[in-house]
Amino acid sequence: MNNTNVQPYPILRYPDPRLHTVARPVAQVDERVRTIVQRMFVTMYAANGVGLAATQVDIHERIVVIDVSEARNEPLVLINPEIEWASPEKRKGEEGCLSVPGIYDGVERSVAVRVRALDEQGVSRVIEAEGLLAVCIQHEMDHLMGKVFVEYLSPLKRERIRTKLLKAEREGARSGGGTARARRAVVAEAQP
């Protein structure tokens, strides 16, 4: 993947209503989709994230990119992903999100999943995942369904987060930009 001179997409920020759009399936994996995937990886890596759904960059198609490796060298592409199986065992772990910068909270997720998806060449793959990868897959697939992780939280917490982010956005607009720290939200590995 040659990322030279590829510009990252702007990431939608919660509570932007476009984050609630349900993504449509990708009809054909072609050069247009591969270009989207490439820019999504550039965006995710630039923001220090471990996963990104197309919904977060205002593209409402079922595309997810993930790289949970320490070295940032194990890119995973999921096009039209479907969870075939989810472990009945669940664990609550702290999550963050590139669309909800600087906010982390506990979300209960299945500890393992099996997902079927197309890769960037249109080849069907089955991925068995556990730990951080399983959490990340579930988190990003929520985005494809128009759901942001804060929706698992209480209404009071959601309102506080919404207010905090809107205030930060207003202050950022007045000062000419946001902080680098606000761009470093990542999905944290579930804690046992």
Protein backbone atom coordinates (compact mmCIF):
# COMPACT_ATOMS: atom_id res chain seq x y z
CA MET A 1 0.00 0.00 0.00
CA ASN A 2 1.68 3.19 -1.18
CA ASN A 3 0.51 6.01 1.09
CA THR A 4 2.83 8.72 -0.26
CA ASN A 5 0.92 12.00 -0.62
CA VAL A 6 -2.37 10.44 0.50
CA GLN A 7 -4.30 12.91 2.64
CA PRO A 8 -6.24 11.70 5.69
CA TYR A 9 -9.98 12.14 5.81
CA PRO A 10 -11.49 14.50 8.39
CA ILE A 11 -13.00 12.42 11.21
CA LEU A 12 -16.59 13.15 12.24
CA ARG A 13 -16.89 14.07 15.92
CA TYR A 14 -19.66 13.02 18.26
CA PRO A 15 -22.45 14.24 18.47
CA ASP A 16 -22.45 14.76 14.67
CA PRO A 17 -25.74 13.19 13.47
CA ARG A 18 -23.98 11.61 10.47
CA LEU A 19 -22.40 9.14 12.91
CA HIS A 20 -25.90 7.63 13.30
CA THR A 21 -26.22 6.77 9.60
CA VAL A 22 -26.49 3.04 8.93
CA ALA A 23 -23.90 2.05 6.33
CA ARG A 24 -24.98 0.32 3.14
CA PRO A 25 -23.19 -2.75 1.77
CA VAL A 26 -20.40 -2.25 -0.73
CA ALA A 27 -21.76 -3.41 -4.10
CA GLN A 28 -18.40 -4.06 -5.73
CA VAL A 29 -14.84 -4.08 -4.41
CA ASP A 30 -13.02 -2.02 -7.02
CA GLU A 31 -10.36 0.67 -7.29
CA ARG A 32 -12.71 3.27 -5.76
CA VAL A 33 -13.12 1.10 -2.64
CA ARG A 34 -9.37 0.36 -2.47
CA THR A 35 -8.68 4.11 -2.57
CA ILE A 36 -11.13 4.64 0.31
CA VAL A 37 -9.41 1.84 2.26
CA GLN A 38 -5.98 3.38 1.65
CA ARG A 39 -7.11 6.82 2.86
CA MET A 40 -8.83 5.26 5.86
CA PHE A 41 -5.56 3.61 6.94
CA VAL A 42 -3.71 6.91 6.50
CA THR A 43 -6.40 8.60 8.61
CA MET A 44 -6.37 5.94 11.34
CA TYR A 45 -2.57 5.86 11.63
CA ALA A 46 -2.32 9.67 11.61
CA ALA A 47 -4.82 9.81 14.48
CA ASN A 48 -3.05 7.03 16.45
CA GLY A 49 -6.15 4.85 16.31
CA VAL A 50 -6.42 1.07 16.09
CA GLY A 51 -9.65 0.97 14.08
CA LEU A 52 -11.78 3.16 11.84
CA ALA A 53 -15.16 2.65 10.21
CA ALA A 54 -16.05 4.43 6.97
CA THR A 55 -19.01 6.02 8.77
CA GLN A 56 -16.52 8.01 10.87
CA VAL A 57 -15.18 9.71 7.74
CA ASP A 58 -18.64 10.40 6.31
CA ILE A 59 -18.60 7.48 3.88
CA HIS A 60 -21.66 5.38 4.61
CA GLU A 61 -20.52 2.05 3.25
CA ARG A 62 -19.66 -1.12 5.19
CA ILE A 63 -15.88 -0.69 5.30
CA VAL A 64 -13.65 -1.08 8.38
CA VAL A 65 -9.87 -0.86 8.74
CA ILE A 66 -8.04 -2.15 11.82
CA ASP A 67 -4.46 -2.54 13.02
CA VAL A 68 -4.06 -3.51 16.67
CA SER A 69 -0.39 -4.51 16.32
CA GLU A 70 2.23 -2.70 18.39
CA ALA A 71 4.38 -2.18 15.29
CA ARG A 72 1.41 -0.91 13.24
CA ASN A 73 2.20 -3.41 10.49
CA GLU A 74 -0.77 -5.82 10.51
CA PRO A 75 -3.50 -3.96 8.60
CA LEU A 76 -6.86 -5.71 8.45
CA VAL A 77 -9.59 -4.71 6.00
CA LEU A 78 -13.21 -5.75 6.56
CA ILE A 79 -15.66 -4.99 3.75
CA ASN A 80 -19.31 -5.93 4.33
CA PRO A 81 -18.39 -7.60 7.64
CA GLU A 82 -20.88 -9.86 9.40
CA ILE A 83 -20.37 -11.38 12.83
CA GLU A 84 -21.07 -15.11 12.46
CA TRP A 85 -20.50 -15.94 16.12
CA ALA A 86 -19.89 -14.02 19.33
CA SER A 87 -18.74 -15.58 22.57
CA PRO A 88 -21.43 -15.66 25.24
CA GLU A 89 -18.65 -14.72 27.68
CA LYS A 90 -18.47 -10.96 27.99
CA ARG A 91 -16.03 -8.62 29.64
CA LYS A 92 -16.24 -4.94 30.45
CA GLY A 93 -13.26 -2.94 29.24
CA GLU A 94 -12.38 0.68 28.74
CA GLU A 95 -12.91 1.99 25.22
CA GLY A 96 -12.22 5.22 23.42
CA CYS A 97 -13.03 6.40 19.93
CA LEU A 98 -11.51 8.69 17.32
CA SER A 99 -14.96 10.28 16.95
CA VAL A 100 -15.19 10.91 20.70
CA PRO A 101 -11.73 12.34 21.42
CA GLY A 102 -10.35 12.18 24.93
CA ILE A 103 -13.28 10.20 26.34
CA TYR A 104 -12.86 6.67 27.71
CA ASP A 105 -15.40 4.51 29.50
CA GLY A 106 -16.32 0.91 30.21
CA VAL A 107 -18.26 -1.10 27.62
CA GLU A 108 -19.20 -4.77 27.87
CA ARG A 109 -18.27 -6.83 24.79
CA SER A 110 -17.96 -10.48 23.81
CA VAL A 111 -14.43 -11.73 24.51
CA ALA A 112 -14.21 -13.48 21.12
CA VAL A 113 -15.92 -13.21 17.73
CA ARG A 114 -15.84 -14.83 14.31
CA VAL A 115 -16.46 -12.43 11.44
CA ARG A 116 -16.84 -13.01 7.71
CA ALA A 117 -15.87 -10.16 5.40
CA LEU A 118 -14.32 -9.32 2.07
CA ASP A 119 -10.75 -8.05 1.92
CA GLU A 120 -9.58 -5.19 -0.33
CA GLN A 121 -9.33 -7.62 -3.26
CA GLY A 122 -12.92 -8.81 -2.80
CA VAL A 123 -11.87 -12.20 -1.39
CA SER A 124 -14.12 -13.60 1.34
CA ARG A 125 -12.29 -14.20 4.64
CA VAL A 126 -13.24 -15.55 8.04
CA ILE A 127 -11.42 -13.99 10.99
CA GLU A 128 -11.45 -15.47 14.48
CA ALA A 129 -10.58 -12.78 16.99
CA GLU A 130 -10.22 -12.39 20.72
CA GLY A 131 -8.94 -9.73 23.09
CA LEU A 132 -8.32 -6.28 21.66
CA LEU A 133 -9.01 -7.37 18.07
CA ALA A 134 -12.43 -8.78 19.06
CA VAL A 135 -13.28 -5.58 20.93
CA CYS A 136 -12.14 -3.43 18.02
CA ILE A 137 -14.18 -5.42 15.48
CA GLN A 138 -17.34 -5.07 17.59
CA HIS A 139 -16.68 -1.36 18.19
CA GLU A 140 -16.16 -0.60 14.49
CA MET A 141 -19.14 -2.69 13.41
CA ASP A 142 -21.29 -0.66 15.81
CA HIS A 143 -20.27 2.41 13.78
CA LEU A 144 -21.54 0.72 10.61
CA MET A 145 -24.90 0.34 12.36
CA GLY A 146 -24.93 4.03 13.32
CA LYS A 147 -23.99 3.42 16.95
CA VAL A 148 -21.23 5.18 18.90
CA PHE A 149 -19.75 3.53 22.01
CA VAL A 150 -21.07 6.26 24.32
CA GLU A 151 -24.58 4.98 23.59
CA TYR A 152 -23.79 2.06 25.89
CA LEU A 153 -23.43 4.57 28.73
CA SER A 154 -26.13 6.13 30.89
CA PRO A 155 -28.09 9.10 29.49
CA LEU A 156 -26.45 11.35 32.10
CA LYS A 157 -22.93 10.31 31.05
CA ARG A 158 -23.82 10.73 27.37
CA GLU A 159 -25.12 14.25 27.96
CA ARG A 160 -21.99 15.19 29.93
CA ILE A 161 -19.78 13.87 27.13
CA ARG A 162 -21.82 15.68 24.48
CA THR A 163 -21.60 18.95 26.42
CA LYS A 164 -17.85 18.53 27.02
CA LEU A 165 -17.11 17.81 23.35
CA LEU A 166 -19.27 20.67 22.06
CA LYS A 167 -17.52 23.04 24.47
CA ALA A 168 -14.08 21.78 23.34
CA GLU A 169 -15.13 22.21 19.70
CA ARG A 170 -16.23 25.81 20.33
CA GLU A 171 -12.99 26.58 22.17
CA GLY A 172 -10.96 24.91 19.41
CA ALA A 173 -12.73 26.97 16.76
CA ARG A 174 -11.96 30.16 18.68
CA SER A 175 -8.28 29.28 19.11
CA GLY A 176 -7.82 28.01 15.56
CA GLY A 177 -7.65 24.25 16.16
CA GLY A 178 -7.87 21.33 18.55
CA THR A 179 -5.21 19.68 20.62
CA ALA A 180 -3.02 16.79 19.56
CA ARG A 181 -4.15 14.93 22.67
CA ALA A 182 -7.76 15.09 21.47
CA ARG A 183 -6.73 13.23 18.32
CA ARG A 184 -5.13 10.27 20.11
CA ALA A 185 -8.20 8.37 21.26
CA VAL A 186 -7.82 4.63 20.81
CA VAL A 187 -9.77 1.58 21.76
CA ALA A 188 -8.10 0.31 24.92
CA GLU A 189 -7.73 -3.41 25.48
CA ALA A 190 -10.44 -4.92 27.64
CA GLN A 191 -9.26 -5.38 31.21
CA PRO A 192 -10.10 -8.70 32.92
